[in-house]
Amino acid sequence: MKKKQGLGALKKLALRKDSRGALFEIMRSDWREFGGFGQTYITVCKPGWVKGWHFHKKQTDNFCVVKGKALVVLADIRSGKSAEYVLSEDAPALLTIPAGTLHGFECLSKKECRILNVPDRLYNYKKPDEYRIQLDDESVPYRKWRNRKGW
């Protein structure tokens, strides 16, 4: 069920529907993707904006779009490779983003998109494990966002 493109791993999530609605599990401690629990949060992105580029030296992220649609891009400056993943509420999936992988995302919805992240480490406010790179940085092997609105 996983799709690998060298930079991350995409796992389709089982959608269980009945007459009342639907349910899908995003993360379980018995899954291979579970590397520990740090915290859970939702990040919101408005249409026309890009949130990126950044990476973590120690933290692995686990993204799941819970509202709308997003393009998540992973990039590796060392190898010059990048990978695009379209995630949406209509096709639940879990995207695992390993430590050291540069990533960002943009909203593809007409309204804002919401991404739930289940990172394996707790955010440290005093010494964050977050390193930012400008969207137009020449070292990033993804050119589509170079002249876009965002950070």
C-alpha atoms as a PDB file:
ATOM      1  CA  MET A   1       0.000   0.000   0.000  1.00  0.00           C
ATOM      2  CA  LYS A   2       3.019   2.302   0.183  1.00  0.00           C
ATOM      3  CA  LYS A   3       4.372   4.363  -2.682  1.00  0.00           C
ATOM      4  CA  LYS A   4       8.047   5.318  -2.394  1.00  0.00           C
ATOM      5  CA  GLN A   5       9.719   7.951  -4.512  1.00  0.00           C
ATOM      6  CA  GLY A   6      13.059   7.942  -2.728  1.00  0.00           C
ATOM      7  CA  LEU A   7      12.363  10.883  -0.448  1.00  0.00           C
ATOM      8  CA  GLY A   8       9.276   9.874   1.520  1.00  0.00           C
ATOM      9  CA  ALA A   9       6.708   7.148   1.806  1.00  0.00           C
ATOM     10  CA  LEU A  10       3.003   7.441   1.008  1.00  0.00           C
ATOM     11  CA  LYS A  11       0.555   5.063   2.645  1.00  0.00           C
ATOM     12  CA  LYS A  12      -3.071   4.959   1.526  1.00  0.00           C
ATOM     13  CA  LEU A  13      -5.365   4.861   4.534  1.00  0.00           C
ATOM     14  CA  ALA A  14      -8.367   2.563   4.800  1.00  0.00           C
ATOM     15  CA  LEU A  15     -11.610   4.532   4.685  1.00  0.00           C
ATOM     16  CA  ARG A  16     -14.372   2.808   6.606  1.00  0.00           C
ATOM     17  CA  LYS A  17     -17.811   4.075   5.618  1.00  0.00           C
ATOM     18  CA  ASP A  18     -21.297   3.365   6.878  1.00  0.00           C
ATOM     19  CA  SER A  19     -24.658   5.117   6.803  1.00  0.00           C
ATOM     20  CA  ARG A  20     -23.522   7.598   9.494  1.00  0.00           C
ATOM     21  CA  GLY A  21     -20.357   8.745   7.745  1.00  0.00           C
ATOM     22  CA  ALA A  22     -16.775   7.546   7.653  1.00  0.00           C
ATOM     23  CA  LEU A  23     -13.648   6.907   9.707  1.00  0.00           C
ATOM     24  CA  PHE A  24      -9.973   6.435   8.870  1.00  0.00           C
ATOM     25  CA  GLU A  25      -7.007   5.822  11.144  1.00  0.00           C
ATOM     26  CA  ILE A  26      -4.102   8.199  10.604  1.00  0.00           C
ATOM     27  CA  MET A  27      -1.424   6.692  12.865  1.00  0.00           C
ATOM     28  CA  ARG A  28      -1.204   3.556  14.982  1.00  0.00           C
ATOM     29  CA  SER A  29       1.606   2.516  17.307  1.00  0.00           C
ATOM     30  CA  ASP A  30       1.733  -0.918  15.619  1.00  0.00           C
ATOM     31  CA  TRP A  31       2.458   0.557  12.146  1.00  0.00           C
ATOM     32  CA  ARG A  32       5.970   0.643  10.747  1.00  0.00           C
ATOM     33  CA  GLU A  33       5.581   4.412  10.197  1.00  0.00           C
ATOM     34  CA  PHE A  34       5.199   4.989  13.939  1.00  0.00           C
ATOM     35  CA  GLY A  35       8.563   6.173  15.198  1.00  0.00           C
ATOM     36  CA  GLY A  36       7.380   7.516  18.512  1.00  0.00           C
ATOM     37  CA  PHE A  37       5.074  10.304  19.548  1.00  0.00           C
ATOM     38  CA  GLY A  38       6.042  13.915  19.981  1.00  0.00           C
ATOM     39  CA  GLN A  39       2.820  15.843  19.463  1.00  0.00           C
ATOM     40  CA  THR A  40      -0.078  16.317  17.061  1.00  0.00           C
ATOM     41  CA  TYR A  41      -1.026  19.564  15.349  1.00  0.00           C
ATOM     42  CA  ILE A  42      -2.906  20.957  12.354  1.00  0.00           C
ATOM     43  CA  THR A  43      -1.356  23.484  10.012  1.00  0.00           C
ATOM     44  CA  VAL A  44      -3.624  25.589   7.772  1.00  0.00           C
ATOM     45  CA  CYS A  45      -2.655  26.976   4.363  1.00  0.00           C
ATOM     46  CA  LYS A  46      -4.667  29.490   2.359  1.00  0.00           C
ATOM     47  CA  PRO A  47      -5.147  29.258  -1.428  1.00  0.00           C
ATOM     48  CA  GLY A  48      -2.358  30.915  -3.391  1.00  0.00           C
ATOM     49  CA  TRP A  49       0.223  30.473  -0.623  1.00  0.00           C
ATOM     50  CA  VAL A  50       3.205  28.156  -0.247  1.00  0.00           C
ATOM     51  CA  LYS A  51       4.467  27.056   3.179  1.00  0.00           C
ATOM     52  CA  GLY A  52       8.036  25.942   2.822  1.00  0.00           C
ATOM     53  CA  TRP A  53      10.987  25.269   2.584  1.00  0.00           C
ATOM     54  CA  HIS A  54      12.174  23.726   5.810  1.00  0.00           C
ATOM     55  CA  PHE A  55      13.697  20.543   7.205  1.00  0.00           C
ATOM     56  CA  HIS A  56      14.403  18.904  10.530  1.00  0.00           C
ATOM     57  CA  LYS A  57      17.697  17.294  11.520  1.00  0.00           C
ATOM     58  CA  LYS A  58      16.086  14.833  13.956  1.00  0.00           C
ATOM     59  CA  GLN A  59      12.302  14.939  13.480  1.00  0.00           C
ATOM     60  CA  THR A  60      10.245  12.768  11.145  1.00  0.00           C
ATOM     61  CA  ASP A  61       6.899  14.289  10.068  1.00  0.00           C
ATOM     62  CA  ASN A  62       3.746  12.349   9.200  1.00  0.00           C
ATOM     63  CA  PHE A  63       1.313  14.443   7.117  1.00  0.00           C
ATOM     64  CA  CYS A  64      -2.357  13.719   6.457  1.00  0.00           C
ATOM     65  CA  VAL A  65      -4.683  16.215   4.759  1.00  0.00           C
ATOM     66  CA  VAL A  66      -7.918  16.337   6.731  1.00  0.00           C
ATOM     67  CA  LYS A  67      -9.569  19.220   4.836  1.00  0.00           C
ATOM     68  CA  GLY A  68      -9.134  20.306   1.241  1.00  0.00           C
ATOM     69  CA  LYS A  69      -6.277  19.414  -1.065  1.00  0.00           C
ATOM     70  CA  ALA A  70      -2.533  20.109  -0.925  1.00  0.00           C
ATOM     71  CA  LEU A  71       0.570  19.613  -3.008  1.00  0.00           C
ATOM     72  CA  VAL A  72       3.398  18.478  -0.718  1.00  0.00           C
ATOM     73  CA  VAL A  73       6.871  18.602  -2.221  1.00  0.00           C
ATOM     74  CA  LEU A  74       9.930  16.842  -0.809  1.00  0.00           C
ATOM     75  CA  ALA A  75      13.402  17.783  -2.001  1.00  0.00           C
ATOM     76  CA  ASP A  76      16.965  16.610  -1.452  1.00  0.00           C
ATOM     77  CA  ILE A  77      19.602  19.260  -2.130  1.00  0.00           C
ATOM     78  CA  ARG A  78      22.443  16.694  -2.065  1.00  0.00           C
ATOM     79  CA  SER A  79      21.008  14.417  -4.768  1.00  0.00           C
ATOM     80  CA  GLY A  80      19.140  17.115  -6.709  1.00  0.00           C
ATOM     81  CA  LYS A  81      15.907  15.092  -6.557  1.00  0.00           C
ATOM     82  CA  SER A  82      12.389  16.180  -5.675  1.00  0.00           C
ATOM     83  CA  ALA A  83       9.028  14.420  -5.392  1.00  0.00           C
ATOM     84  CA  GLU A  84       5.469  15.767  -5.541  1.00  0.00           C
ATOM     85  CA  TYR A  85       2.547  14.287  -3.601  1.00  0.00           C
ATOM     86  CA  VAL A  86      -1.054  15.443  -3.971  1.00  0.00           C
ATOM     87  CA  LEU A  87      -2.914  14.759  -0.732  1.00  0.00           C
ATOM     88  CA  SER A  88      -6.627  15.337  -0.221  1.00  0.00           C
ATOM     89  CA  GLU A  89      -9.468  14.685   2.170  1.00  0.00           C
ATOM     90  CA  ASP A  90     -11.126  12.565  -0.544  1.00  0.00           C
ATOM     91  CA  ALA A  91      -8.292  10.012  -0.684  1.00  0.00           C
ATOM     92  CA  PRO A  92      -6.877   9.678   2.843  1.00  0.00           C
ATOM     93  CA  ALA A  93      -3.148   8.987   2.901  1.00  0.00           C
ATOM     94  CA  LEU A  94      -0.232   9.313   5.293  1.00  0.00           C
ATOM     95  CA  LEU A  95       2.958  10.885   3.950  1.00  0.00           C
ATOM     96  CA  THR A  96       6.039  10.112   6.034  1.00  0.00           C
ATOM     97  CA  ILE A  97       8.772  12.749   5.661  1.00  0.00           C
ATOM     98  CA  PRO A  98      12.108  11.527   7.057  1.00  0.00           C
ATOM     99  CA  ALA A  99      14.472  13.756   9.019  1.00  0.00           C
ATOM    100  CA  GLY A 100      16.801  15.695   6.729  1.00  0.00           C
ATOM    101  CA  THR A 101      14.260  15.949   3.908  1.00  0.00           C
ATOM    102  CA  LEU A 102      13.454  19.480   2.745  1.00  0.00           C
ATOM    103  CA  HIS A 103       9.691  19.937   2.411  1.00  0.00           C
ATOM    104  CA  GLY A 104       6.910  22.409   1.835  1.00  0.00           C
ATOM    105  CA  PHE A 105       3.337  22.522   0.624  1.00  0.00           C
ATOM    106  CA  GLU A 106       0.756  24.628  -1.130  1.00  0.00           C
ATOM    107  CA  CYS A 107      -3.012  24.702  -0.973  1.00  0.00           C
ATOM    108  CA  LEU A 108      -4.707  23.377  -4.119  1.00  0.00           C
ATOM    109  CA  SER A 109      -8.233  23.913  -2.761  1.00  0.00           C
ATOM    110  CA  LYS A 110     -10.531  26.845  -3.448  1.00  0.00           C
ATOM    111  CA  LYS A 111     -10.674  27.260   0.328  1.00  0.00           C
ATOM    112  CA  GLU A 112      -7.916  26.634   2.846  1.00  0.00           C
ATOM    113  CA  CYS A 113      -6.442  23.178   3.337  1.00  0.00           C
ATOM    114  CA  ARG A 114      -5.630  21.621   6.686  1.00  0.00           C
ATOM    115  CA  ILE A 115      -2.806  19.189   7.279  1.00  0.00           C
ATOM    116  CA  LEU A 116      -2.587  17.094  10.412  1.00  0.00           C
ATOM    117  CA  ASN A 117       1.004  16.342  11.408  1.00  0.00           C
ATOM    118  CA  VAL A 118       2.025  13.606  13.850  1.00  0.00           C
ATOM    119  CA  PRO A 119       5.766  14.205  14.292  1.00  0.00           C
ATOM    120  CA  ASP A 120       7.858  11.752  16.275  1.00  0.00           C
ATOM    121  CA  ARG A 121       9.377  14.488  18.459  1.00  0.00           C
ATOM    122  CA  LEU A 122       8.062  17.264  20.659  1.00  0.00           C
ATOM    123  CA  TYR A 123       8.616  20.802  19.345  1.00  0.00           C
ATOM    124  CA  ASN A 124      11.249  22.610  21.405  1.00  0.00           C
ATOM    125  CA  TYR A 125      10.302  26.307  21.553  1.00  0.00           C
ATOM    126  CA  LYS A 126      13.721  27.363  22.904  1.00  0.00           C
ATOM    127  CA  LYS A 127      15.794  25.377  20.404  1.00  0.00           C
ATOM    128  CA  PRO A 128      13.595  24.327  17.448  1.00  0.00           C
ATOM    129  CA  ASP A 129      14.710  21.506  15.156  1.00  0.00           C
ATOM    130  CA  GLU A 130      13.554  23.535  12.145  1.00  0.00           C
ATOM    131  CA  TYR A 131      15.770  24.974   9.456  1.00  0.00           C
ATOM    132  CA  ARG A 132      14.297  27.255   6.775  1.00  0.00           C
ATOM    133  CA  ILE A 133      15.372  27.910   3.207  1.00  0.00           C
ATOM    134  CA  GLN A 134      13.898  30.622   0.977  1.00  0.00           C
ATOM    135  CA  LEU A 135      11.503  29.563  -1.811  1.00  0.00           C
ATOM    136  CA  ASP A 136      13.794  31.053  -4.453  1.00  0.00           C
ATOM    137  CA  ASP A 137      17.010  29.437  -3.167  1.00  0.00           C
ATOM    138  CA  GLU A 138      18.991  28.178  -6.188  1.00  0.00           C
ATOM    139  CA  SER A 139      20.158  25.061  -4.324  1.00  0.00           C
ATOM    140  CA  VAL A 140      16.623  23.637  -4.105  1.00  0.00           C
ATOM    141  CA  PRO A 141      15.924  21.198  -6.968  1.00  0.00           C
ATOM    142  CA  TYR A 142      12.310  22.346  -7.361  1.00  0.00           C
ATOM    143  CA  ARG A 143      11.722  25.418  -9.480  1.00  0.00           C
ATOM    144  CA  LYS A 144       7.926  25.849  -9.557  1.00  0.00           C
ATOM    145  CA  TRP A 145       7.776  27.793  -6.278  1.00  0.00           C
ATOM    146  CA  ARG A 146      10.649  30.207  -6.914  1.00  0.00           C
ATOM    147  CA  ASN A 147       8.397  33.172  -7.704  1.00  0.00           C
ATOM    148  CA  ARG A 148       5.463  32.215  -5.492  1.00  0.00           C
ATOM    149  CA  LYS A 149       3.979  33.954  -2.477  1.00  0.00           C
ATOM    150  CA  GLY A 150       5.080  32.255   0.721  1.00  0.00           C
ATOM    151  CA  TRP A 151       7.881  31.376   3.116  1.00  0.00           C
END
